[in-house]
Amino acid sequence: MGTKKKEQQYDFENEEETERTWKEIYKTLEKGAIYAQYDFFSALEEYFSLPIEKALRSSNSIVKMLCMIDRRVGKRTL
């Protein structure tokens, strides 16, 4: 017979557990390159505030994508 998966229960009243759960979910979505609208706007703010050299080295993949369409960046830079 098949084994039943035990459904995990979260205590959302526990702030630490809730924060840890959301961070876990966010990391999973980020690995799959699934972003929310606020992620894009946050990346835009970061991109506009950085010099192009720092934007190219950003850990944010959306910022790096914006660099690729920036006319200040040539083929040799990428």
Protein backbone atom coordinates (compact mmCIF):
# COMPACT_ATOMS: atom_id res chain seq x y z
CA MET A 1 0.00 0.00 0.00
CA GLY A 2 1.06 3.58 -0.65
CA THR A 3 2.26 5.77 2.14
CA LYS A 4 0.29 8.84 3.06
CA LYS A 5 2.13 12.11 3.12
CA LYS A 6 1.85 13.80 6.44
CA GLU A 7 0.53 17.30 5.93
CA GLN A 8 2.73 19.87 7.62
CA GLN A 9 0.95 22.39 9.81
CA TYR A 10 2.31 25.88 10.33
CA ASP A 11 1.65 28.07 13.30
CA PHE A 12 1.25 31.47 11.68
CA GLU A 13 0.88 33.07 15.09
CA ASN A 14 4.57 32.30 15.62
CA GLU A 15 6.31 35.23 13.92
CA GLU A 16 9.72 33.54 13.69
CA GLU A 17 8.27 30.44 12.03
CA THR A 18 6.19 32.57 9.65
CA GLU A 19 9.20 34.65 8.63
CA ARG A 20 11.32 31.53 8.11
CA THR A 21 8.55 29.97 6.00
CA TRP A 22 8.19 33.04 3.78
CA LYS A 23 11.96 33.25 3.26
CA GLU A 24 11.97 29.59 2.23
CA ILE A 25 9.12 30.17 -0.23
CA TYR A 26 10.80 33.29 -1.65
CA LYS A 27 14.09 31.44 -2.21
CA THR A 28 12.26 28.63 -4.00
CA LEU A 29 10.47 31.07 -6.28
CA GLU A 30 13.69 32.99 -6.95
CA LYS A 31 15.49 29.79 -7.97
CA GLY A 32 12.75 29.19 -10.53
CA ALA A 33 13.06 32.80 -11.78
CA ILE A 34 9.50 33.53 -10.68
CA TYR A 35 9.18 37.13 -9.61
CA ALA A 36 6.37 39.33 -8.38
CA GLN A 37 5.68 42.83 -9.62
CA TYR A 38 7.26 44.35 -6.52
CA ASP A 39 10.49 42.42 -7.24
CA PHE A 40 10.68 44.10 -10.63
CA PHE A 41 10.05 47.59 -9.23
CA SER A 42 12.56 47.01 -6.47
CA ALA A 43 15.13 45.92 -9.07
CA LEU A 44 14.38 49.03 -11.16
CA GLU A 45 15.04 51.25 -8.16
CA GLU A 46 18.32 49.44 -7.50
CA TYR A 47 19.31 49.61 -11.18
CA PHE A 48 18.65 53.35 -11.48
CA SER A 49 20.65 54.08 -8.34
CA LEU A 50 23.77 52.13 -9.39
CA PRO A 51 26.55 52.99 -11.81
CA ILE A 52 26.52 50.58 -14.76
CA GLU A 53 29.70 48.82 -13.57
CA LYS A 54 28.12 47.95 -10.20
CA ALA A 55 24.82 47.02 -11.82
CA LEU A 56 26.63 44.46 -13.98
CA ARG A 57 28.02 42.83 -10.83
CA SER A 58 24.69 42.87 -8.98
CA SER A 59 23.46 39.66 -7.39
CA ASN A 60 19.94 40.54 -8.57
CA SER A 61 19.22 38.76 -11.87
CA ILE A 62 16.60 41.33 -12.89
CA VAL A 63 19.18 44.11 -12.56
CA LYS A 64 21.57 42.10 -14.75
CA MET A 65 18.84 41.66 -17.37
CA LEU A 66 18.23 45.40 -17.40
CA CYS A 67 21.95 45.91 -18.01
CA MET A 68 21.76 43.76 -21.12
CA ILE A 69 19.30 46.18 -22.76
CA ASP A 70 21.12 49.31 -21.63
CA ARG A 71 22.78 51.14 -24.51
CA ARG A 72 25.71 52.08 -22.25
CA VAL A 73 26.77 48.44 -22.24
CA GLY A 74 28.49 47.16 -25.35
CA LYS A 75 29.12 43.61 -26.55
CA ARG A 76 32.61 43.60 -25.10
CA THR A 77 31.37 44.60 -21.66
CA LEU A 78 28.99 41.65 -21.43
